[in-house]
N, C-alpha and C. Protein backbone atom coordinates (compact mmCIF):
# COMPACT_ATOMS: atom_id res chain seq x y z
N MET A 1 -31.42 92.99 -11.64
CA MET A 1 -30.05 92.79 -12.06
C MET A 1 -29.75 91.30 -12.12
N ILE A 2 -29.03 90.85 -13.12
CA ILE A 2 -28.61 89.46 -13.26
C ILE A 2 -27.11 89.39 -12.99
N ILE A 3 -26.73 88.52 -12.05
CA ILE A 3 -25.33 88.33 -11.71
C ILE A 3 -24.85 87.05 -12.38
N ASP A 4 -23.76 87.14 -13.13
CA ASP A 4 -23.21 85.98 -13.84
C ASP A 4 -22.28 85.22 -12.89
N ILE A 5 -22.83 84.18 -12.26
CA ILE A 5 -22.04 83.36 -11.35
C ILE A 5 -22.54 81.93 -11.46
N ASP A 6 -21.59 81.00 -11.48
CA ASP A 6 -21.91 79.59 -11.64
C ASP A 6 -22.15 78.99 -10.27
N LYS A 7 -23.42 78.89 -9.88
CA LYS A 7 -23.70 78.41 -8.53
C LYS A 7 -23.45 76.91 -8.41
N ALA A 8 -23.13 76.48 -7.19
CA ALA A 8 -22.99 75.05 -6.92
C ALA A 8 -24.36 74.41 -6.97
N ASP A 9 -24.38 73.09 -7.15
CA ASP A 9 -25.64 72.37 -7.27
C ASP A 9 -26.55 72.58 -6.07
N ASN A 10 -25.96 72.71 -4.89
CA ASN A 10 -26.80 72.81 -3.71
C ASN A 10 -26.84 74.22 -3.14
N GLY A 11 -26.61 75.21 -3.96
CA GLY A 11 -26.87 76.57 -3.49
C GLY A 11 -25.72 77.53 -3.64
N LEU A 12 -26.05 78.78 -3.47
CA LEU A 12 -25.11 79.88 -3.56
C LEU A 12 -24.85 80.39 -2.15
N GLY A 13 -23.58 80.48 -1.76
CA GLY A 13 -23.26 81.04 -0.46
C GLY A 13 -23.42 82.54 -0.49
N ILE A 14 -23.99 83.10 0.57
CA ILE A 14 -24.21 84.54 0.66
C ILE A 14 -23.75 85.02 2.04
N ARG A 15 -22.96 86.09 2.06
CA ARG A 15 -22.52 86.71 3.30
C ARG A 15 -22.64 88.22 3.17
N LYS A 16 -23.01 88.86 4.27
CA LYS A 16 -23.08 90.32 4.29
C LYS A 16 -21.93 90.84 5.15
N GLN A 17 -21.13 91.73 4.59
CA GLN A 17 -20.02 92.33 5.32
C GLN A 17 -20.55 93.39 6.28
N THR A 18 -19.73 93.78 7.23
CA THR A 18 -20.15 94.78 8.21
C THR A 18 -20.42 96.14 7.56
N ASP A 19 -19.83 96.40 6.39
CA ASP A 19 -20.05 97.67 5.69
C ASP A 19 -21.28 97.63 4.78
N GLY A 20 -22.04 96.53 4.82
CA GLY A 20 -23.25 96.41 4.02
C GLY A 20 -23.05 95.79 2.66
N LYS A 21 -21.81 95.58 2.24
CA LYS A 21 -21.57 94.93 0.95
C LYS A 21 -21.91 93.45 1.05
N ILE A 22 -22.31 92.86 -0.07
CA ILE A 22 -22.78 91.48 -0.09
C ILE A 22 -21.84 90.63 -0.93
N LEU A 23 -21.45 89.48 -0.39
CA LEU A 23 -20.59 88.53 -1.09
C LEU A 23 -21.40 87.33 -1.51
N LEU A 24 -21.22 86.90 -2.76
CA LEU A 24 -21.86 85.69 -3.29
C LEU A 24 -20.76 84.72 -3.67
N CYS A 25 -20.97 83.42 -3.41
CA CYS A 25 -19.94 82.43 -3.70
C CYS A 25 -20.58 81.16 -4.21
N GLY A 26 -20.01 80.58 -5.27
CA GLY A 26 -20.49 79.30 -5.79
C GLY A 26 -19.64 78.86 -6.96
N GLY A 27 -19.92 77.67 -7.44
CA GLY A 27 -19.21 77.18 -8.61
C GLY A 27 -18.98 75.70 -8.55
N VAL A 28 -19.26 75.02 -9.62
CA VAL A 28 -19.10 73.57 -9.66
C VAL A 28 -17.69 73.19 -10.10
N ILE A 29 -17.18 73.82 -11.14
CA ILE A 29 -15.83 73.54 -11.63
C ILE A 29 -14.85 74.59 -11.13
N ASP A 30 -15.21 75.84 -11.21
CA ASP A 30 -14.43 76.95 -10.66
C ASP A 30 -15.29 77.64 -9.61
N THR A 31 -14.69 77.99 -8.47
CA THR A 31 -15.43 78.75 -7.47
C THR A 31 -15.30 80.23 -7.80
N GLN A 32 -16.42 80.91 -7.79
CA GLN A 32 -16.45 82.34 -8.08
C GLN A 32 -17.00 83.10 -6.87
N VAL A 33 -16.36 84.21 -6.57
CA VAL A 33 -16.83 85.09 -5.51
C VAL A 33 -17.10 86.45 -6.15
N VAL A 34 -18.30 86.96 -5.95
CA VAL A 34 -18.70 88.26 -6.48
C VAL A 34 -19.08 89.14 -5.30
N ARG A 35 -18.68 90.43 -5.35
CA ARG A 35 -19.10 91.34 -4.29
C ARG A 35 -20.00 92.42 -4.87
N LEU A 36 -21.11 92.66 -4.18
CA LEU A 36 -22.06 93.69 -4.56
C LEU A 36 -21.99 94.83 -3.56
N LEU A 37 -22.19 96.04 -4.05
CA LEU A 37 -22.32 97.19 -3.17
C LEU A 37 -23.67 97.10 -2.46
N SER A 38 -23.88 97.90 -1.44
CA SER A 38 -25.14 97.83 -0.69
C SER A 38 -26.35 98.18 -1.55
N ASN A 39 -26.12 98.85 -2.69
CA ASN A 39 -27.24 99.17 -3.59
C ASN A 39 -27.49 98.07 -4.62
N GLY A 40 -26.73 96.97 -4.54
CA GLY A 40 -26.94 95.84 -5.45
C GLY A 40 -26.09 95.85 -6.70
N GLN A 41 -25.33 96.92 -6.93
CA GLN A 41 -24.44 96.98 -8.10
C GLN A 41 -23.16 96.21 -7.81
N VAL A 42 -22.55 95.63 -8.86
CA VAL A 42 -21.30 94.91 -8.70
C VAL A 42 -20.21 95.88 -8.25
N ASP A 43 -19.44 95.48 -7.23
CA ASP A 43 -18.34 96.29 -6.72
C ASP A 43 -17.10 96.03 -7.57
N LEU A 44 -16.84 96.92 -8.52
CA LEU A 44 -15.76 96.74 -9.48
C LEU A 44 -14.37 96.82 -8.86
N SER A 45 -14.28 97.27 -7.59
CA SER A 45 -12.98 97.34 -6.92
C SER A 45 -12.58 95.99 -6.33
N PHE A 46 -13.46 95.00 -6.39
CA PHE A 46 -13.21 93.69 -5.81
C PHE A 46 -12.71 92.73 -6.88
N GLY A 47 -11.63 91.99 -6.59
CA GLY A 47 -11.12 90.99 -7.52
C GLY A 47 -10.83 91.58 -8.89
N ASN A 48 -11.33 90.93 -9.95
CA ASN A 48 -11.18 91.39 -11.32
C ASN A 48 -12.54 91.89 -11.79
N ASN A 49 -12.77 93.20 -11.71
CA ASN A 49 -14.05 93.81 -12.08
C ASN A 49 -15.22 93.22 -11.30
N GLY A 50 -15.01 92.99 -10.00
CA GLY A 50 -16.09 92.55 -9.13
C GLY A 50 -16.12 91.08 -8.83
N LYS A 51 -15.24 90.29 -9.46
CA LYS A 51 -15.29 88.83 -9.30
C LYS A 51 -13.90 88.25 -9.12
N THR A 52 -13.80 87.28 -8.21
CA THR A 52 -12.58 86.48 -8.06
C THR A 52 -12.94 85.05 -8.42
N THR A 53 -12.12 84.41 -9.26
CA THR A 53 -12.37 83.03 -9.68
C THR A 53 -11.21 82.16 -9.26
N LEU A 54 -11.53 81.06 -8.57
CA LEU A 54 -10.53 80.06 -8.20
C LEU A 54 -10.61 78.97 -9.26
N ILE A 55 -9.75 79.06 -10.28
CA ILE A 55 -9.80 78.18 -11.44
C ILE A 55 -9.51 76.73 -11.03
N GLY A 56 -10.39 75.84 -11.41
CA GLY A 56 -10.20 74.41 -11.15
C GLY A 56 -10.51 73.98 -9.75
N ASP A 57 -10.94 74.90 -8.91
CA ASP A 57 -11.27 74.58 -7.53
C ASP A 57 -12.74 74.92 -7.30
N GLY A 58 -13.60 73.99 -7.65
CA GLY A 58 -15.03 74.20 -7.49
C GLY A 58 -15.53 73.61 -6.20
N THR A 59 -16.79 73.85 -5.91
CA THR A 59 -17.38 73.29 -4.70
C THR A 59 -18.82 72.89 -4.93
N ASN A 60 -19.15 71.72 -4.44
CA ASN A 60 -20.55 71.32 -4.32
C ASN A 60 -20.96 71.36 -2.86
N SER A 61 -20.11 71.95 -2.03
CA SER A 61 -20.37 71.94 -0.59
C SER A 61 -20.52 73.34 -0.03
N THR A 62 -20.96 74.28 -0.84
CA THR A 62 -21.23 75.61 -0.30
C THR A 62 -22.31 75.50 0.77
N LEU A 63 -23.28 74.61 0.58
CA LEU A 63 -24.32 74.34 1.56
C LEU A 63 -24.93 75.64 2.08
N GLY A 64 -25.44 76.42 1.17
CA GLY A 64 -25.94 77.73 1.55
C GLY A 64 -24.75 78.62 1.83
N SER A 65 -24.51 78.91 3.12
CA SER A 65 -23.37 79.75 3.46
C SER A 65 -22.37 79.05 4.36
N MET A 66 -22.56 77.75 4.60
CA MET A 66 -21.52 77.02 5.31
C MET A 66 -20.32 76.91 4.37
N ASN A 67 -19.14 76.82 4.94
CA ASN A 67 -17.90 76.70 4.16
C ASN A 67 -17.57 77.96 3.37
N PHE A 68 -18.23 79.04 3.71
CA PHE A 68 -17.98 80.36 3.11
C PHE A 68 -18.08 81.34 4.28
N LEU A 69 -16.93 81.75 4.83
CA LEU A 69 -16.90 82.43 6.11
C LEU A 69 -16.19 83.77 6.02
N LEU A 70 -16.53 84.67 6.93
CA LEU A 70 -15.85 85.96 7.04
C LEU A 70 -15.02 85.94 8.32
N GLN A 71 -13.75 86.31 8.18
CA GLN A 71 -12.81 86.28 9.29
C GLN A 71 -12.11 87.63 9.39
N ASN A 72 -12.61 88.50 10.25
CA ASN A 72 -11.99 89.82 10.45
C ASN A 72 -11.74 90.55 9.13
N GLY A 73 -12.74 90.61 8.27
CA GLY A 73 -12.62 91.32 7.00
C GLY A 73 -12.03 90.50 5.88
N LYS A 74 -11.56 89.29 6.18
CA LYS A 74 -11.04 88.41 5.15
C LYS A 74 -12.10 87.36 4.82
N ILE A 75 -11.93 86.67 3.70
CA ILE A 75 -12.94 85.75 3.18
C ILE A 75 -12.34 84.35 3.13
N ILE A 76 -12.97 83.41 3.83
CA ILE A 76 -12.53 82.02 3.86
C ILE A 76 -13.46 81.21 2.96
N ILE A 77 -12.88 80.43 2.06
CA ILE A 77 -13.66 79.63 1.10
C ILE A 77 -13.13 78.20 1.11
N TYR A 78 -14.05 77.25 1.28
CA TYR A 78 -13.72 75.83 1.20
C TYR A 78 -14.10 75.32 -0.18
N THR A 79 -13.21 74.56 -0.81
CA THR A 79 -13.54 73.94 -2.10
C THR A 79 -13.28 72.44 -2.01
N ASP A 80 -14.09 71.65 -2.71
CA ASP A 80 -13.92 70.20 -2.62
C ASP A 80 -13.77 69.51 -3.95
N VAL A 81 -13.68 70.26 -5.03
CA VAL A 81 -13.52 69.65 -6.35
C VAL A 81 -12.32 70.31 -7.01
N ASN A 82 -11.32 69.53 -7.36
CA ASN A 82 -10.16 70.07 -8.04
C ASN A 82 -9.91 69.25 -9.29
N SER A 83 -9.78 69.91 -10.41
CA SER A 83 -9.63 69.21 -11.68
C SER A 83 -8.26 68.54 -11.84
N ASN A 84 -7.28 68.96 -11.03
CA ASN A 84 -5.95 68.40 -11.17
C ASN A 84 -5.66 67.28 -10.17
N VAL A 85 -6.08 67.49 -8.95
CA VAL A 85 -5.88 66.49 -7.89
C VAL A 85 -7.15 66.37 -7.07
N ASN A 86 -7.35 65.20 -6.50
CA ASN A 86 -8.56 64.94 -5.74
C ASN A 86 -8.37 65.37 -4.29
N VAL A 87 -8.35 66.67 -4.04
CA VAL A 87 -8.15 67.19 -2.69
C VAL A 87 -9.13 68.32 -2.42
N SER A 88 -9.37 68.55 -1.14
CA SER A 88 -10.14 69.71 -0.72
C SER A 88 -9.18 70.80 -0.27
N LYS A 89 -9.62 72.04 -0.40
CA LYS A 89 -8.75 73.17 -0.05
C LYS A 89 -9.53 74.23 0.69
N ILE A 90 -8.82 74.98 1.50
CA ILE A 90 -9.36 76.18 2.14
C ILE A 90 -8.53 77.35 1.64
N PHE A 91 -9.19 78.34 1.04
CA PHE A 91 -8.54 79.55 0.55
C PHE A 91 -8.90 80.72 1.45
N ARG A 92 -8.03 81.73 1.48
CA ARG A 92 -8.40 82.99 2.12
C ARG A 92 -8.11 84.13 1.16
N LEU A 93 -9.11 84.98 1.00
CA LEU A 93 -8.98 86.18 0.18
C LEU A 93 -8.87 87.39 1.09
N ASN A 94 -8.09 88.39 0.66
CA ASN A 94 -8.10 89.68 1.33
C ASN A 94 -9.40 90.39 1.01
N SER A 95 -9.66 91.48 1.68
CA SER A 95 -10.92 92.21 1.48
C SER A 95 -11.07 92.74 0.06
N ASN A 96 -9.97 92.85 -0.68
CA ASN A 96 -10.06 93.33 -2.07
C ASN A 96 -10.28 92.20 -3.08
N GLY A 97 -10.40 90.95 -2.57
CA GLY A 97 -10.67 89.82 -3.46
C GLY A 97 -9.43 89.11 -3.97
N GLN A 98 -8.25 89.55 -3.56
CA GLN A 98 -7.00 88.89 -3.98
C GLN A 98 -6.64 87.80 -2.97
N ILE A 99 -5.97 86.74 -3.45
CA ILE A 99 -5.52 85.66 -2.57
C ILE A 99 -4.61 86.24 -1.49
N ASP A 100 -4.85 85.83 -0.23
CA ASP A 100 -4.03 86.26 0.90
C ASP A 100 -2.89 85.27 1.07
N ASN A 101 -1.71 85.61 0.57
CA ASN A 101 -0.56 84.70 0.59
C ASN A 101 0.00 84.45 1.99
N SER A 102 -0.48 85.20 3.00
CA SER A 102 -0.01 84.96 4.37
C SER A 102 -0.78 83.82 5.04
N PHE A 103 -1.78 83.29 4.36
CA PHE A 103 -2.62 82.22 4.89
C PHE A 103 -2.14 80.87 4.39
N GLY A 104 -2.01 79.88 5.30
CA GLY A 104 -1.61 78.53 4.90
C GLY A 104 -0.31 78.54 4.14
N ASN A 105 -0.31 77.92 2.97
CA ASN A 105 0.85 77.89 2.09
C ASN A 105 0.49 78.70 0.84
N ASN A 106 0.91 79.96 0.81
CA ASN A 106 0.60 80.88 -0.30
C ASN A 106 -0.90 81.04 -0.55
N GLY A 107 -1.66 81.13 0.55
CA GLY A 107 -3.08 81.44 0.44
C GLY A 107 -4.01 80.25 0.48
N VAL A 108 -3.46 79.03 0.62
CA VAL A 108 -4.31 77.85 0.58
C VAL A 108 -3.85 76.80 1.61
N VAL A 109 -4.83 76.06 2.14
CA VAL A 109 -4.58 74.95 3.05
C VAL A 109 -5.17 73.70 2.40
N ILE A 110 -4.38 72.65 2.27
CA ILE A 110 -4.90 71.35 1.81
C ILE A 110 -5.53 70.68 3.02
N THR A 111 -6.76 70.19 2.87
CA THR A 111 -7.50 69.66 4.01
C THR A 111 -8.22 68.36 3.67
N ASN A 112 -8.51 67.57 4.70
CA ASN A 112 -9.36 66.40 4.56
C ASN A 112 -10.79 66.71 4.97
N ALA A 113 -11.02 67.91 5.49
CA ALA A 113 -12.34 68.26 6.03
C ALA A 113 -13.40 68.29 4.93
N GLN A 114 -14.65 68.06 5.36
CA GLN A 114 -15.81 68.19 4.48
C GLN A 114 -16.61 69.43 4.83
N GLN A 115 -16.42 69.93 6.04
CA GLN A 115 -17.06 71.16 6.49
C GLN A 115 -16.04 71.94 7.30
N ILE A 116 -16.11 73.27 7.23
CA ILE A 116 -15.25 74.10 8.06
C ILE A 116 -16.11 75.06 8.86
N LEU A 117 -15.61 75.42 10.03
CA LEU A 117 -16.32 76.32 10.93
C LEU A 117 -15.32 77.31 11.50
N LEU A 118 -15.81 78.49 11.86
CA LEU A 118 -14.94 79.53 12.40
C LEU A 118 -15.18 79.66 13.90
N GLU A 119 -14.13 79.49 14.69
CA GLU A 119 -14.24 79.62 16.14
C GLU A 119 -14.33 81.08 16.53
N SER A 120 -14.73 81.35 17.77
CA SER A 120 -14.83 82.72 18.26
C SER A 120 -13.47 83.40 18.28
N THR A 121 -12.40 82.62 18.32
CA THR A 121 -11.03 83.14 18.29
C THR A 121 -10.54 83.35 16.86
N ASN A 122 -11.39 83.03 15.87
CA ASN A 122 -11.08 83.08 14.44
C ASN A 122 -10.18 81.94 13.98
N ASN A 123 -9.92 80.96 14.86
CA ASN A 123 -9.29 79.73 14.41
C ASN A 123 -10.30 78.96 13.57
N ILE A 124 -9.82 78.02 12.77
CA ILE A 124 -10.69 77.26 11.87
C ILE A 124 -10.74 75.80 12.32
N THR A 125 -11.96 75.26 12.40
CA THR A 125 -12.17 73.85 12.71
C THR A 125 -12.70 73.16 11.47
N GLY A 126 -12.13 72.01 11.12
CA GLY A 126 -12.62 71.20 10.00
C GLY A 126 -13.17 69.89 10.52
N LEU A 127 -14.17 69.36 9.85
CA LEU A 127 -14.83 68.13 10.29
C LEU A 127 -15.07 67.22 9.11
N LYS A 128 -14.86 65.90 9.32
CA LYS A 128 -15.08 64.93 8.26
C LYS A 128 -15.57 63.61 8.86
N ALA A 129 -16.59 63.01 8.24
CA ALA A 129 -16.99 61.64 8.57
C ALA A 129 -16.08 60.72 7.77
N ILE A 130 -15.47 59.74 8.44
CA ILE A 130 -14.56 58.83 7.74
C ILE A 130 -15.28 57.56 7.33
N ASN A 131 -15.83 56.83 8.29
CA ASN A 131 -16.65 55.66 7.97
C ASN A 131 -17.43 55.22 9.21
N ASN A 132 -18.59 54.68 8.99
CA ASN A 132 -19.48 54.16 10.03
C ASN A 132 -19.56 55.02 11.28
N ASN A 133 -18.61 54.90 12.18
CA ASN A 133 -18.69 55.65 13.44
C ASN A 133 -17.41 56.43 13.73
N THR A 134 -16.62 56.69 12.71
CA THR A 134 -15.35 57.39 12.90
C THR A 134 -15.40 58.75 12.23
N TYR A 135 -14.90 59.75 12.92
CA TYR A 135 -14.86 61.11 12.36
C TYR A 135 -13.51 61.73 12.66
N GLN A 136 -13.20 62.78 11.91
CA GLN A 136 -11.92 63.47 12.05
C GLN A 136 -12.16 64.95 12.24
N ILE A 137 -11.43 65.54 13.17
CA ILE A 137 -11.48 66.99 13.42
C ILE A 137 -10.09 67.55 13.15
N GLU A 138 -10.04 68.66 12.43
CA GLU A 138 -8.78 69.36 12.18
C GLU A 138 -8.90 70.75 12.78
N LYS A 139 -7.79 71.28 13.29
CA LYS A 139 -7.79 72.65 13.82
C LYS A 139 -6.61 73.42 13.24
N TYR A 140 -6.95 74.64 12.78
CA TYR A 140 -5.95 75.55 12.21
C TYR A 140 -6.04 76.88 12.94
N ASN A 141 -4.90 77.57 13.08
CA ASN A 141 -4.95 78.90 13.68
C ASN A 141 -5.50 79.91 12.67
N THR A 142 -5.55 81.15 13.05
CA THR A 142 -6.16 82.17 12.19
C THR A 142 -5.47 82.31 10.85
N ASP A 143 -4.20 81.92 10.77
CA ASP A 143 -3.46 82.04 9.51
C ASP A 143 -3.31 80.72 8.77
N GLY A 144 -4.14 79.73 9.13
CA GLY A 144 -4.17 78.49 8.36
C GLY A 144 -3.05 77.52 8.65
N GLN A 145 -2.39 77.66 9.80
CA GLN A 145 -1.36 76.70 10.20
C GLN A 145 -1.97 75.71 11.19
N ALA A 146 -1.63 74.42 11.04
CA ALA A 146 -2.17 73.40 11.94
C ALA A 146 -1.81 73.72 13.38
N ILE A 147 -2.76 73.55 14.30
CA ILE A 147 -2.51 73.74 15.73
C ILE A 147 -1.95 72.43 16.27
N ALA A 148 -0.64 72.38 16.41
CA ALA A 148 0.07 71.13 16.73
C ALA A 148 -0.35 70.55 18.07
N SER A 149 -0.81 71.38 19.01
CA SER A 149 -1.18 70.89 20.34
C SER A 149 -2.53 70.18 20.34
N PHE A 150 -3.26 70.25 19.23
CA PHE A 150 -4.56 69.57 19.13
C PHE A 150 -4.37 68.23 18.44
N GLY A 151 -4.81 67.14 19.09
CA GLY A 151 -4.67 65.82 18.49
C GLY A 151 -3.23 65.53 18.13
N THR A 152 -3.01 65.01 16.94
CA THR A 152 -1.66 64.76 16.42
C THR A 152 -1.40 65.75 15.30
N ASN A 153 -0.58 66.76 15.58
CA ASN A 153 -0.28 67.82 14.60
C ASN A 153 -1.53 68.46 14.02
N GLY A 154 -2.52 68.71 14.90
CA GLY A 154 -3.71 69.42 14.48
C GLY A 154 -4.85 68.56 13.99
N VAL A 155 -4.69 67.23 14.03
CA VAL A 155 -5.73 66.32 13.54
C VAL A 155 -6.08 65.31 14.63
N LEU A 156 -7.38 65.17 14.90
CA LEU A 156 -7.87 64.21 15.88
C LEU A 156 -8.86 63.28 15.19
N THR A 157 -8.59 61.98 15.25
CA THR A 157 -9.52 60.98 14.72
C THR A 157 -10.15 60.27 15.91
N SER A 158 -11.48 60.17 15.91
CA SER A 158 -12.18 59.60 17.05
C SER A 158 -13.26 58.64 16.58
N THR A 159 -13.59 57.69 17.43
CA THR A 159 -14.61 56.70 17.12
C THR A 159 -15.74 56.81 18.13
N SER A 160 -16.95 56.77 17.64
CA SER A 160 -18.14 56.85 18.48
C SER A 160 -18.71 55.45 18.68
N SER A 161 -19.43 55.26 19.77
CA SER A 161 -20.09 53.97 20.00
C SER A 161 -21.36 53.85 19.15
N ILE A 162 -21.75 54.96 18.53
CA ILE A 162 -22.95 54.99 17.69
C ILE A 162 -22.54 55.05 16.23
N ASN A 163 -23.04 54.15 15.42
CA ASN A 163 -22.73 54.15 13.99
C ASN A 163 -23.47 55.27 13.27
N PHE A 164 -22.80 55.89 12.31
CA PHE A 164 -23.45 56.86 11.43
C PHE A 164 -22.74 56.85 10.09
N ASP A 165 -23.45 57.30 9.07
CA ASP A 165 -22.89 57.30 7.72
C ASP A 165 -22.45 58.67 7.25
N ASN A 166 -23.22 59.70 7.63
CA ASN A 166 -22.95 61.05 7.12
C ASN A 166 -23.11 62.08 8.23
N ILE A 167 -22.25 63.09 8.19
CA ILE A 167 -22.45 64.25 9.05
C ILE A 167 -23.31 65.23 8.25
N ILE A 168 -24.44 65.60 8.82
CA ILE A 168 -25.39 66.45 8.10
C ILE A 168 -25.12 67.93 8.33
N TYR A 169 -25.01 68.32 9.57
CA TYR A 169 -24.85 69.74 9.90
C TYR A 169 -23.97 69.86 11.13
N ALA A 170 -23.10 70.86 11.14
CA ALA A 170 -22.21 71.08 12.28
C ALA A 170 -22.18 72.56 12.63
N PHE A 171 -21.99 72.86 13.91
CA PHE A 171 -21.78 74.25 14.32
C PHE A 171 -20.99 74.27 15.61
N LEU A 172 -20.45 75.44 15.94
CA LEU A 172 -19.70 75.63 17.18
C LEU A 172 -20.53 76.48 18.12
N ASP A 173 -20.57 76.10 19.41
CA ASP A 173 -21.30 76.92 20.38
C ASP A 173 -20.39 78.06 20.86
N ALA A 174 -20.87 78.84 21.83
CA ALA A 174 -20.13 80.02 22.29
C ALA A 174 -18.79 79.66 22.93
N ASN A 175 -18.64 78.41 23.37
CA ASN A 175 -17.39 77.96 23.98
C ASN A 175 -16.52 77.16 23.02
N ASN A 176 -16.85 77.22 21.73
CA ASN A 176 -16.14 76.51 20.66
C ASN A 176 -16.24 75.00 20.77
N ASN A 177 -17.26 74.51 21.50
CA ASN A 177 -17.56 73.08 21.48
C ASN A 177 -18.21 72.77 20.14
N LEU A 178 -17.91 71.63 19.60
CA LEU A 178 -18.40 71.23 18.29
C LEU A 178 -19.65 70.37 18.45
N LEU A 179 -20.73 70.78 17.80
CA LEU A 179 -21.94 69.97 17.78
C LEU A 179 -22.22 69.58 16.34
N PHE A 180 -22.60 68.33 16.13
CA PHE A 180 -22.96 67.93 14.78
C PHE A 180 -24.03 66.86 14.80
N THR A 181 -24.86 66.88 13.76
CA THR A 181 -25.88 65.86 13.58
C THR A 181 -25.39 64.89 12.53
N ALA A 182 -25.72 63.62 12.73
CA ALA A 182 -25.30 62.58 11.80
C ALA A 182 -26.45 61.60 11.62
N ASP A 183 -26.50 60.97 10.45
CA ASP A 183 -27.54 59.98 10.22
C ASP A 183 -26.92 58.69 9.68
N SER A 184 -27.73 57.66 9.67
CA SER A 184 -27.27 56.37 9.16
C SER A 184 -28.29 55.83 8.18
N ASN A 185 -27.88 54.84 7.43
CA ASN A 185 -28.80 54.23 6.46
C ASN A 185 -29.96 53.51 7.12
N SER A 186 -29.87 53.30 8.42
CA SER A 186 -30.98 52.66 9.14
C SER A 186 -32.03 53.68 9.56
N ASN A 187 -31.92 54.91 9.02
CA ASN A 187 -32.87 56.00 9.27
C ASN A 187 -32.85 56.52 10.69
N SER A 188 -31.76 56.31 11.41
CA SER A 188 -31.64 56.90 12.74
C SER A 188 -30.71 58.10 12.67
N SER A 189 -30.94 59.07 13.53
CA SER A 189 -30.12 60.27 13.57
C SER A 189 -29.59 60.47 14.98
N SER A 190 -28.44 61.13 15.07
CA SER A 190 -27.81 61.37 16.36
C SER A 190 -27.27 62.79 16.41
N LEU A 191 -27.17 63.32 17.62
CA LEU A 191 -26.55 64.62 17.85
C LEU A 191 -25.32 64.39 18.72
N PHE A 192 -24.18 64.88 18.28
CA PHE A 192 -22.92 64.71 18.99
C PHE A 192 -22.44 66.06 19.49
N LYS A 193 -21.80 66.06 20.66
CA LYS A 193 -21.15 67.26 21.18
C LYS A 193 -19.72 66.89 21.57
N ILE A 194 -18.77 67.58 20.98
CA ILE A 194 -17.35 67.35 21.23
C ILE A 194 -16.77 68.61 21.87
N LEU A 195 -16.16 68.46 23.03
CA LEU A 195 -15.59 69.62 23.72
C LEU A 195 -14.46 70.23 22.91
N ALA A 196 -14.22 71.51 23.12
CA ALA A 196 -13.25 72.26 22.31
C ALA A 196 -11.84 71.68 22.38
N ASN A 197 -11.50 71.02 23.49
CA ASN A 197 -10.15 70.47 23.64
C ASN A 197 -10.03 69.05 23.10
């Protein structure tokens, strides 16, 4: 079977739902989400005949399946390319592929993050390298509202004593502590651990 989906340059996100259905996500100019039944056929009950398209909100940061998350039967999608404005967004779809308007502001959160992660509580953590040794962490509750008690209105900017240029990979441990690897142009790499608070 051939699935018509515009994958991002660095890969197609893939997630398996608890019911065995498979979600595919990608797109450079528009992000597309397709759902397959467990037998591999397109699930026509999802979105518009099996596909949901976020027009003008593409992503080159699917990074396999990072930034494409499942949250209690809902679908979280991070996009970093917008044809109208230069912003990144986090969308949430209901299980039927329609935009979940109860999330963020009518289904979308405007973010500075470059990567998003799902905490064990289903809150969302965003991470961004700013410059040299500075990074930013954002925290949102399960419905995409900033957690005001974290940092300043949900955003914490911090500086490390170690210089780095890029955050390569990030994940949350069982206690929602944030771990990330970073590298620099001097070919050195570092591993950082940031406590959940």
